[in-house]
Amino acid sequence: MVQCRPTIAVWGHYHGGNLGDELVVAAIVDAIRRRLPAVRIVGISMWPEDTRGRYEIEAFLINPGKPQMDAARVTPQARAERGPLAATVRGIPGARGLYARAMRARKVVLEVPFLWRSYRLLRSVDLVVVAGSGQLLDEWDGPWLHPYTTFRWAMLARLARVPMLYPSVGAGPIERRLSAFFIRTAVASARYVSVRDQHSARVLHSIGVSRPLAVCPDMGYGLLDEVLRDARAVSETRGDGKVVGLNMMAHHDPRYWPRGDAQRYDAFIQKMAAFTRWLLENGYRVRLFSSQTRVDRRVADDLVHLLEDGSQLDPHRFDSAIDEIDDTEDLVGVIAGCDLVVASRYHSVLLPLLLDIPVLGLAYNPKTTELLIDAGHSERCLDIDTFSVEALIEAFRELSREEEAEAREARRRRVAAHRAAVEEQFDRIFVPHVAGSLGASSTVPDHG
């Protein structure tokens, strides 16, 4: 690969399925283009084809093997044909263990040439920026997914003498010693690190990270100005205050969640069904949405099944917008059309804050709790496992009451300050590291 101009790589476990992650990637790509228009941007992701299409940049695999593919591409017919064969293979004594060993051996065989290709890629790059949010954790497949991948690229970047930056990253959970080693070593080798909240700082310090960790809000606050303006214009035309955006998630759904717990998932979905019935009975219109559409579509189907009870739901009072959402602009547009939001996923809580829409969070991780505390609304957060339907209804009643002007203005100031902090961080990490090699073309455009 021949390098023609300064290059920044946007690195992370993103692949189009999680629009919260894509919100962060979009903010980074836009921040680079506004400040350094002459810079070449490349993506390093779990699904390069998707990354190329979304951002019109070159893109490369973050891990060896096949890219993370859209599960929707596997047709029902293909699943049906594969099912009996898979069941037969699982019934053979020792087949599962043999398959697992074969997969591990395959990974080792693929790793060596992948290391060389990745090193060569980094030799053509001037800067690697990690696209948070939650990159530093071992919840998904233990040490050998996020932690090892982070460690691998950090060591390759060090070998290639390329600065690697971790702005506004989230951390945790990190439960295994090997994971802690991988992540601690990667963070120690970084040129720059900041965390999005105090919880992430505590997690990293608990595994032995000794460097100072500045706190800078999540990069989702860097949502493109034009998208935010358009969405706020939609928000100002909302109607009677009765449209409730309901963000479902596959919380401990064994079909998706690592070490999923069917009882916890069932308890969650049953409570959400009861809450939805209450909303409908009290004259609200409910719109289901998600920032992880590939996974949460099944959750929406489960909710509808519980609600139908042998009769059809009124489409004028209950509908799902999940199939309308393909990118971050779609997601922002759906949320902008809601008067109130009840959300489980982190960025589905953050976006209503940006749009000045009252939001109630169901926290599956301390990051959501800290997000709402930082916005001045600790009372608007419930634990996703322990909340009762009655507590959720009462919190929603409080959310729907007319807000005092002083409280709303205080929240607006906080959100504006967070956006300013994210923009200032972009100035600090991009311009000094790259502008010097651009010469006269490195003028930083006015980004407001």
Protein backbone atom coordinates (compact mmCIF):
# COMPACT_ATOMS: atom_id res chain seq x y z
CA MET A 1 0.00 0.00 0.00
CA VAL A 2 1.43 3.36 -1.03
CA GLN A 3 0.74 6.24 1.33
CA CYS A 4 0.00 9.47 -0.58
CA ARG A 5 -1.06 11.72 2.28
CA PRO A 6 -1.36 11.69 6.08
CA THR A 7 -3.68 8.93 7.24
CA ILE A 8 -5.79 8.42 10.35
CA ALA A 9 -7.21 4.99 11.13
CA VAL A 10 -10.50 4.79 13.05
CA TRP A 11 -10.25 1.50 14.95
CA GLY A 12 -12.89 -0.39 16.89
CA HIS A 13 -15.31 -3.30 17.30
CA TYR A 14 -17.95 -1.65 15.15
CA HIS A 15 -19.82 -3.30 12.31
CA GLY A 16 -23.09 -1.47 11.63
CA GLY A 17 -25.20 -3.56 13.98
CA ASN A 18 -24.80 -1.29 16.98
CA LEU A 19 -25.77 2.26 16.03
CA GLY A 20 -24.48 3.55 19.36
CA ASP A 21 -21.00 2.53 18.22
CA GLU A 22 -21.71 3.96 14.77
CA LEU A 23 -22.71 7.27 16.36
CA VAL A 24 -19.21 7.49 17.86
CA VAL A 25 -17.51 6.50 14.60
CA ALA A 26 -19.56 9.07 12.66
CA ALA A 27 -18.60 11.77 15.15
CA ILE A 28 -14.90 10.93 14.79
CA VAL A 29 -14.96 10.80 10.99
CA ASP A 30 -16.82 14.11 10.84
CA ALA A 31 -14.42 15.70 13.36
CA ILE A 32 -11.42 14.70 11.25
CA ARG A 33 -12.96 15.93 8.01
CA ARG A 34 -13.87 19.31 9.48
CA ARG A 35 -10.43 19.91 10.94
CA LEU A 36 -8.13 18.17 8.49
CA PRO A 37 -9.84 17.88 5.10
CA ALA A 38 -6.63 16.73 3.39
CA VAL A 39 -6.27 13.70 5.66
CA ARG A 40 -7.01 10.21 4.38
CA ILE A 41 -9.26 8.20 6.71
CA VAL A 42 -9.35 4.41 6.89
CA GLY A 43 -11.55 2.20 9.03
CA ILE A 44 -10.49 -0.89 10.97
CA SER A 45 -13.72 -2.64 11.90
CA MET A 46 -15.55 -5.94 12.25
CA TRP A 47 -17.34 -5.47 8.91
CA PRO A 48 -15.27 -3.48 6.40
CA GLU A 49 -17.93 -3.70 3.67
CA ASP A 50 -20.43 -1.92 5.90
CA THR A 51 -17.82 0.65 6.99
CA ARG A 52 -16.93 1.49 3.39
CA GLY A 53 -20.57 2.04 2.51
CA ARG A 54 -21.42 4.19 5.53
CA TYR A 55 -18.42 6.51 5.52
CA GLU A 56 -16.99 6.27 1.99
CA ILE A 57 -13.55 5.32 3.27
CA GLU A 58 -11.20 2.38 2.84
CA ALA A 59 -11.72 -0.25 5.52
CA PHE A 60 -9.93 -3.32 6.85
CA LEU A 61 -10.70 -6.21 9.18
CA ILE A 62 -9.98 -5.86 12.88
CA ASN A 63 -9.65 -9.65 13.31
CA PRO A 64 -8.60 -12.49 11.00
CA GLY A 65 -11.16 -14.67 9.29
CA LYS A 66 -14.52 -13.68 7.91
CA PRO A 67 -16.01 -10.28 8.73
CA GLN A 68 -18.88 -9.84 11.15
CA MET A 69 -21.90 -10.29 8.92
CA ASP A 70 -25.47 -9.16 9.24
CA ALA A 71 -27.45 -12.03 10.75
CA ALA A 72 -30.38 -10.98 8.61
CA ARG A 73 -28.45 -12.15 5.54
CA VAL A 74 -28.96 -15.74 6.65
CA THR A 75 -32.36 -16.64 5.21
CA PRO A 76 -34.96 -18.61 7.18
CA GLN A 77 -34.66 -21.36 4.57
CA ALA A 78 -30.90 -21.59 5.14
CA ARG A 79 -31.44 -21.80 8.91
CA ALA A 80 -34.04 -24.54 8.44
CA GLU A 81 -31.74 -26.55 6.18
CA ARG A 82 -28.83 -26.15 8.55
CA GLY A 83 -30.81 -27.02 11.69
CA PRO A 84 -31.17 -30.82 11.32
CA LEU A 85 -27.53 -31.21 10.28
CA ALA A 86 -26.32 -29.14 13.24
CA ALA A 87 -28.51 -31.19 15.62
CA THR A 88 -27.09 -34.44 14.22
CA VAL A 89 -23.49 -33.23 14.62
CA ARG A 90 -24.15 -32.07 18.19
CA GLY A 91 -25.41 -35.58 19.02
CA ILE A 92 -22.10 -37.24 18.11
CA PRO A 93 -20.02 -37.93 21.27
CA GLY A 94 -17.07 -35.53 21.48
CA ALA A 95 -18.16 -33.52 18.42
CA ARG A 96 -18.45 -30.22 20.26
CA GLY A 97 -15.00 -30.50 21.80
CA LEU A 98 -13.48 -31.48 18.47
CA TYR A 99 -15.17 -28.53 16.76
CA ALA A 100 -13.92 -26.12 19.45
CA ARG A 101 -10.34 -27.38 19.09
CA ALA A 102 -10.56 -27.11 15.31
CA MET A 103 -11.74 -23.50 15.58
CA ARG A 104 -8.88 -22.63 17.95
CA ALA A 105 -6.36 -24.20 15.60
CA ARG A 106 -7.87 -22.31 12.68
CA LYS A 107 -7.48 -19.02 14.56
CA VAL A 108 -3.81 -19.72 15.24
CA VAL A 109 -3.19 -20.53 11.57
CA LEU A 110 -4.92 -17.31 10.47
CA GLU A 111 -3.25 -15.12 13.10
CA VAL A 112 0.33 -15.09 11.76
CA PRO A 113 -0.39 -13.78 8.24
CA PHE A 114 -2.97 -11.40 9.73
CA LEU A 115 -0.34 -9.92 12.04
CA TRP A 116 1.94 -9.22 9.08
CA ARG A 117 -0.86 -7.64 7.00
CA SER A 118 -1.94 -5.50 9.96
CA TYR A 119 1.62 -4.34 10.64
CA ARG A 120 2.01 -3.35 6.98
CA LEU A 121 -1.25 -1.41 7.18
CA LEU A 122 -0.08 0.46 10.28
CA ARG A 123 3.19 1.37 8.57
CA SER A 124 1.07 3.47 6.18
CA VAL A 125 -0.86 5.18 8.99
CA ASP A 126 0.07 8.29 10.97
CA LEU A 127 -2.41 7.96 13.79
CA VAL A 128 -4.85 5.36 15.19
CA VAL A 129 -7.88 6.61 17.11
CA VAL A 130 -9.97 4.11 19.05
CA ALA A 131 -13.69 4.53 18.47
CA GLY A 132 -15.26 3.85 21.85
CA SER A 133 -17.50 3.56 23.59
CA GLY A 134 -17.16 0.24 25.41
CA GLN A 135 -13.92 -1.12 23.96
CA LEU A 136 -12.18 -2.07 27.21
CA LEU A 137 -14.15 -5.03 28.54
CA ASP A 138 -14.18 -8.84 28.50
CA GLU A 139 -17.92 -9.49 28.66
CA TRP A 140 -18.04 -10.83 25.10
CA ASP A 141 -16.23 -14.19 24.79
CA GLY A 142 -13.71 -13.44 27.53
CA PRO A 143 -10.07 -12.40 27.05
CA TRP A 144 -9.74 -13.49 23.45
CA LEU A 145 -12.12 -11.05 21.77
CA HIS A 146 -12.04 -7.39 22.88
CA PRO A 147 -9.04 -7.62 25.27
CA TYR A 148 -6.71 -9.60 23.00
CA THR A 149 -7.73 -7.65 19.89
CA THR A 150 -6.97 -4.39 21.70
CA PHE A 151 -3.64 -5.77 22.92
CA ARG A 152 -2.69 -7.09 19.47
CA TRP A 153 -3.24 -3.78 17.71
CA ALA A 154 -1.63 -1.77 20.51
CA MET A 155 1.55 -3.85 20.25
CA LEU A 156 1.55 -3.66 16.44
CA ALA A 157 1.10 0.11 16.60
CA ARG A 158 3.98 0.37 19.02
CA LEU A 159 6.15 -1.77 16.72
CA ALA A 160 5.16 0.39 13.74
CA ARG A 161 5.77 3.55 15.83
CA VAL A 162 2.24 4.82 15.25
CA PRO A 163 0.52 6.76 18.08
CA MET A 164 -2.67 5.11 19.32
CA LEU A 165 -5.24 7.30 21.04
CA TYR A 166 -8.13 6.22 23.30
CA PRO A 167 -10.47 9.21 23.65
CA SER A 168 -13.55 8.98 25.92
CA VAL A 169 -13.43 5.20 26.17
CA GLY A 170 -15.68 3.16 28.41
CA ALA A 171 -14.30 0.34 30.54
CA GLY A 172 -15.77 -2.66 32.27
CA PRO A 173 -16.60 -5.25 33.16
CA ILE A 174 -13.09 -6.74 33.23
CA GLU A 175 -13.27 -9.95 35.25
CA ARG A 176 -10.37 -12.16 34.15
CA ARG A 177 -6.67 -11.78 34.90
CA LEU A 178 -5.61 -12.34 31.30
CA SER A 179 -8.10 -9.71 30.16
CA ALA A 180 -6.71 -7.29 32.72
CA PHE A 181 -3.16 -7.93 31.46
CA PHE A 182 -4.13 -7.37 27.83
CA ILE A 183 -6.05 -4.16 28.54
CA ARG A 184 -3.56 -2.77 31.07
CA THR A 185 -0.68 -3.30 28.65
CA ALA A 186 -2.56 -1.72 25.75
CA VAL A 187 -3.56 1.34 27.78
CA ALA A 188 0.00 1.74 29.08
CA SER A 189 1.34 1.93 25.52
CA ALA A 190 -1.20 4.54 24.33
CA ARG A 191 -0.17 8.07 23.43
CA TYR A 192 -3.40 9.49 24.85
CA VAL A 193 -6.20 8.10 27.03
CA SER A 194 -9.35 9.64 28.44
CA VAL A 195 -12.42 7.91 29.86
CA ARG A 196 -16.05 8.87 29.44
CA ASP A 197 -16.97 8.57 33.13
CA GLN A 198 -15.57 8.02 36.61
CA HIS A 199 -16.78 4.41 36.65
CA SER A 200 -14.47 3.60 33.72
CA ALA A 201 -11.56 5.27 35.51
CA ARG A 202 -12.22 3.17 38.62
CA VAL A 203 -12.35 -0.03 36.56
CA LEU A 204 -9.03 0.69 34.83
CA HIS A 205 -7.30 1.69 38.04
CA SER A 206 -8.60 -1.50 39.68
CA ILE A 207 -6.72 -3.64 37.11
CA GLY A 208 -3.46 -1.79 37.67
CA VAL A 209 -3.56 1.10 35.19
CA SER A 210 -1.41 3.73 36.88
CA ARG A 211 -1.47 6.63 34.41
CA PRO A 212 -3.73 9.62 35.05
CA LEU A 213 -7.10 9.28 33.34
CA ALA A 214 -8.84 12.47 32.31
CA VAL A 215 -12.63 12.32 32.05
CA CYS A 216 -14.22 13.58 28.84
CA PRO A 217 -17.86 12.88 27.91
CA ASP A 218 -18.82 10.18 25.44
CA MET A 219 -18.03 11.09 21.85
CA GLY A 220 -21.70 10.62 20.99
CA TYR A 221 -22.05 14.19 22.25
CA GLY A 222 -20.15 15.14 19.09
CA LEU A 223 -23.19 14.39 16.92
CA LEU A 224 -22.97 16.29 13.65
CA ASP A 225 -24.43 19.80 13.96
CA GLU A 226 -26.65 19.49 10.87
CA VAL A 227 -28.18 16.22 12.11
CA LEU A 228 -28.83 17.76 15.52
CA ARG A 229 -30.41 20.90 14.03
CA ASP A 230 -32.72 18.87 11.79
CA ALA A 231 -33.74 16.64 14.66
CA ARG A 232 -34.45 19.56 16.97
CA ALA A 233 -36.61 21.11 14.26
CA VAL A 234 -38.64 17.88 14.19
CA SER A 235 -38.86 17.90 17.98
CA GLU A 236 -40.34 21.39 17.98
CA THR A 237 -43.27 20.20 15.83
CA ARG A 238 -44.28 17.37 18.17
CA GLY A 239 -47.96 17.12 18.99
CA ASP A 240 -49.84 16.46 22.21
CA GLY A 241 -47.04 15.03 24.35
CA LYS A 242 -48.43 11.51 24.13
CA VAL A 243 -45.85 9.74 21.92
CA VAL A 244 -43.57 7.52 24.03
CA GLY A 245 -40.41 6.10 22.47
CA LEU A 246 -39.73 2.71 24.04
CA ASN A 247 -36.20 1.38 23.57
CA MET A 248 -36.04 -2.36 24.14
CA MET A 249 -32.85 -4.39 24.39
CA ALA A 250 -31.89 -8.06 24.51
CA HIS A 251 -31.00 -7.87 28.19
CA HIS A 252 -29.56 -11.27 29.12
CA ASP A 253 -31.37 -12.82 26.18
CA PRO A 254 -29.60 -16.21 25.75
CA ARG A 255 -30.00 -15.85 21.97
CA TYR A 256 -27.52 -12.97 22.13
CA TRP A 257 -26.07 -12.15 25.53
CA PRO A 258 -22.84 -13.87 26.64
CA ARG A 259 -23.70 -16.15 29.55
CA GLY A 260 -27.32 -15.13 29.05
CA ASP A 261 -29.91 -15.78 31.73
CA ALA A 262 -33.34 -16.75 30.40
CA GLN A 263 -35.04 -15.98 33.72
CA ARG A 264 -33.64 -12.44 33.86
CA TYR A 265 -34.62 -11.81 30.26
CA ASP A 266 -38.13 -13.18 30.82
CA ALA A 267 -38.60 -11.05 33.96
CA PHE A 268 -37.50 -7.94 32.04
CA ILE A 269 -39.74 -8.52 29.03
CA GLN A 270 -42.75 -9.35 31.21
CA LYS A 271 -42.35 -6.10 33.16
CA MET A 272 -41.95 -4.10 29.96
CA ALA A 273 -45.12 -5.69 28.58
CA ALA A 274 -47.02 -4.69 31.72
CA PHE A 275 -45.67 -1.14 31.49
CA THR A 276 -46.61 -0.91 27.81
CA ARG A 277 -50.16 -2.02 28.60
CA TRP A 278 -50.37 0.74 31.20
CA LEU A 279 -49.17 3.31 28.66
CA LEU A 280 -51.79 2.22 26.12
CA GLU A 281 -54.57 2.13 28.71
CA ASN A 282 -53.70 5.68 29.73
CA GLY A 283 -53.91 7.18 26.26
CA TYR A 284 -50.25 7.15 25.22
CA ARG A 285 -49.00 6.11 21.79
CA VAL A 286 -46.00 3.79 21.89
CA ARG A 287 -43.20 3.60 19.31
CA LEU A 288 -40.63 0.85 19.68
CA PHE A 289 -37.10 1.72 18.55
CA SER A 290 -33.59 0.41 18.98
CA SER A 291 -29.97 1.37 18.43
CA GLN A 292 -29.13 -2.34 17.95
CA THR A 293 -31.74 -3.25 15.38
CA ARG A 294 -30.36 -6.65 14.36
CA VAL A 295 -30.60 -8.05 17.86
CA ASP A 296 -33.45 -6.09 19.42
CA ARG A 297 -35.91 -6.83 16.62
CA ARG A 298 -36.44 -10.24 18.26
CA VAL A 299 -37.10 -8.53 21.58
CA ALA A 300 -39.74 -6.34 19.94
CA ASP A 301 -41.34 -9.48 18.51
CA ASP A 302 -41.40 -11.04 21.99
CA LEU A 303 -43.05 -7.92 23.41
CA VAL A 304 -45.71 -7.87 20.68
CA HIS A 305 -46.45 -11.54 21.33
CA LEU A 306 -47.05 -10.82 25.02
CA LEU A 307 -49.25 -7.82 24.24
CA GLU A 308 -51.50 -9.35 21.62
CA ASP A 309 -53.34 -11.79 23.91
CA GLY A 310 -55.31 -13.10 20.96
CA SER A 311 -56.24 -9.66 19.60
CA GLN A 312 -54.53 -7.24 17.24
CA LEU A 313 -52.78 -4.15 18.60
CA ASP A 314 -54.10 -0.85 17.28
CA PRO A 315 -51.43 0.32 14.78
CA HIS A 316 -52.43 3.94 15.41
CA ARG A 317 -51.44 3.61 19.07
CA PHE A 318 -48.64 1.04 18.97
CA ASP A 319 -46.02 0.51 16.29
CA SER A 320 -42.40 -0.44 15.79
CA ALA A 321 -39.97 1.88 14.04
CA ILE A 322 -37.12 -0.63 14.19
CA ASP A 323 -37.37 -1.54 10.51
CA GLU A 324 -37.12 2.17 9.64
CA ILE A 325 -33.71 2.52 11.30
CA ASP A 326 -30.57 1.75 9.32
CA ASP A 327 -28.13 4.49 10.36
CA THR A 328 -27.60 7.07 13.05
CA GLU A 329 -29.61 9.73 11.22
CA ASP A 330 -32.59 7.37 11.08
CA LEU A 331 -32.22 6.66 14.79
CA VAL A 332 -32.00 10.35 15.68
CA GLY A 333 -35.03 11.08 13.49
CA VAL A 334 -37.19 8.45 15.21
CA ILE A 335 -36.23 9.69 18.67
CA ALA A 336 -36.89 13.30 17.62
CA GLY A 337 -40.49 12.37 16.86
CA CYS A 338 -41.12 11.22 20.45
CA ASP A 339 -42.36 13.36 23.34
CA LEU A 340 -40.95 11.11 26.06
CA VAL A 341 -38.43 8.26 25.95
CA VAL A 342 -37.87 5.19 28.13
CA ALA A 343 -34.58 3.59 27.08
CA SER A 344 -32.32 0.71 28.04
CA ARG A 345 -29.32 1.14 25.74
CA TYR A 346 -26.72 3.78 26.61
CA HIS A 347 -26.83 5.89 23.45
CA SER A 348 -30.61 5.62 23.33
CA VAL A 349 -30.49 7.54 26.63
CA LEU A 350 -27.80 9.97 25.46
CA LEU A 351 -29.57 11.03 22.25
CA PRO A 352 -32.78 12.26 23.95
CA LEU A 353 -30.56 14.34 26.27
CA LEU A 354 -29.01 15.93 23.17
CA LEU A 355 -32.47 16.54 21.70
CA ASP A 356 -33.85 17.97 24.97
CA ILE A 357 -36.45 15.20 25.23
CA PRO A 358 -37.29 13.89 28.73
CA VAL A 359 -35.76 10.42 29.08
CA LEU A 360 -35.98 7.66 31.67
CA GLY A 361 -33.11 5.15 31.74
CA LEU A 362 -33.15 1.46 32.64
CA ALA A 363 -29.53 0.83 33.56
CA TYR A 364 -27.91 -2.54 32.84
CA ASN A 365 -24.47 -1.04 33.51
CA PRO A 366 -23.19 1.81 35.74
CA LYS A 367 -22.42 3.84 32.60
CA THR A 368 -26.12 4.67 32.17
CA THR A 369 -26.47 5.65 35.81
CA GLU A 370 -23.46 7.98 35.55
CA LEU A 371 -24.77 9.46 32.30
CA LEU A 372 -28.03 10.54 33.94
CA ILE A 373 -26.36 11.66 37.17
CA ASP A 374 -24.04 13.83 35.07
CA ALA A 375 -27.08 15.29 33.32
CA GLY A 376 -28.52 16.22 36.73
CA HIS A 377 -31.20 13.53 36.73
CA SER A 378 -30.26 10.69 39.05
CA GLU A 379 -33.98 10.21 39.77
CA ARG A 380 -34.56 9.29 36.13
CA CYS A 381 -32.63 6.02 36.28
CA LEU A 382 -33.83 2.60 37.44
CA ASP A 383 -31.91 -0.67 37.64
CA ILE A 384 -32.96 -2.90 34.75
CA ASP A 385 -33.11 -6.05 36.91
CA THR A 386 -34.62 -4.79 40.15
CA PHE A 387 -37.18 -2.20 39.04
CA SER A 388 -40.84 -2.92 39.65
CA VAL A 389 -43.62 -2.04 37.23
CA GLU A 390 -45.09 0.26 39.89
CA ALA A 391 -41.77 2.09 40.34
CA LEU A 392 -41.40 2.48 36.57
CA ILE A 393 -44.92 3.90 36.27
CA GLU A 394 -44.29 6.37 39.07
CA ALA A 395 -40.96 7.47 37.57
CA PHE A 396 -42.69 7.90 34.21
CA ARG A 397 -45.43 10.02 35.78
CA GLU A 398 -42.75 12.30 37.19
CA LEU A 399 -41.04 12.40 33.79
CA SER A 400 -44.25 13.42 32.04
CA ARG A 401 -45.00 16.33 34.38
CA GLU A 402 -44.22 19.84 33.19
CA GLU A 403 -40.57 20.55 33.93
CA GLU A 404 -39.47 23.71 35.68
CA ALA A 405 -37.73 26.12 33.33
CA GLU A 406 -34.72 26.39 35.63
CA ALA A 407 -34.14 22.60 35.65
CA ARG A 408 -34.45 22.37 31.88
CA GLU A 409 -32.04 25.25 31.36
CA ALA A 410 -29.51 23.66 33.73
CA ARG A 411 -29.64 20.41 31.74
CA ARG A 412 -29.23 22.29 28.47
CA ARG A 413 -26.14 24.00 29.84
CA ARG A 414 -24.67 20.66 30.89
CA VAL A 415 -25.30 19.13 27.47
CA ALA A 416 -23.79 22.17 25.73
CA ALA A 417 -20.73 21.94 27.99
CA HIS A 418 -20.33 18.24 27.14
CA ARG A 419 -20.50 18.98 23.41
CA ALA A 420 -17.90 21.71 23.84
CA ALA A 421 -15.63 19.37 25.82
CA VAL A 422 -15.81 16.71 23.10
CA GLU A 423 -15.02 19.28 20.39
CA GLU A 424 -12.09 20.62 22.40
CA GLN A 425 -10.75 17.08 22.82
CA PHE A 426 -10.98 16.54 19.06
CA ASP A 427 -8.93 19.72 18.58
CA ARG A 428 -6.27 18.46 20.98
CA ILE A 429 -5.92 14.94 19.62
CA PHE A 430 -6.18 15.47 15.87
CA VAL A 431 -4.64 18.80 14.95
CA PRO A 432 -1.30 18.59 16.82
CA HIS A 433 -0.70 14.95 15.86
CA VAL A 434 -1.34 15.30 12.14
CA ALA A 435 -1.41 18.95 11.05
CA GLY A 436 2.36 19.35 11.12
CA SER A 437 2.80 16.91 8.27
CA LEU A 438 0.15 18.67 6.14
CA GLY A 439 1.94 21.97 5.74
CA ALA A 440 -0.21 24.74 4.31
CA SER A 441 -3.21 22.44 3.89
CA SER A 442 -3.53 21.95 7.64
CA THR A 443 -5.70 25.00 8.31
CA VAL A 444 -8.33 24.03 10.84
CA PRO A 445 -11.81 24.99 9.59
CA ASP A 446 -14.17 26.83 11.88
CA HIS A 447 -16.36 24.17 13.52
CA GLY A 448 -18.35 26.42 15.80
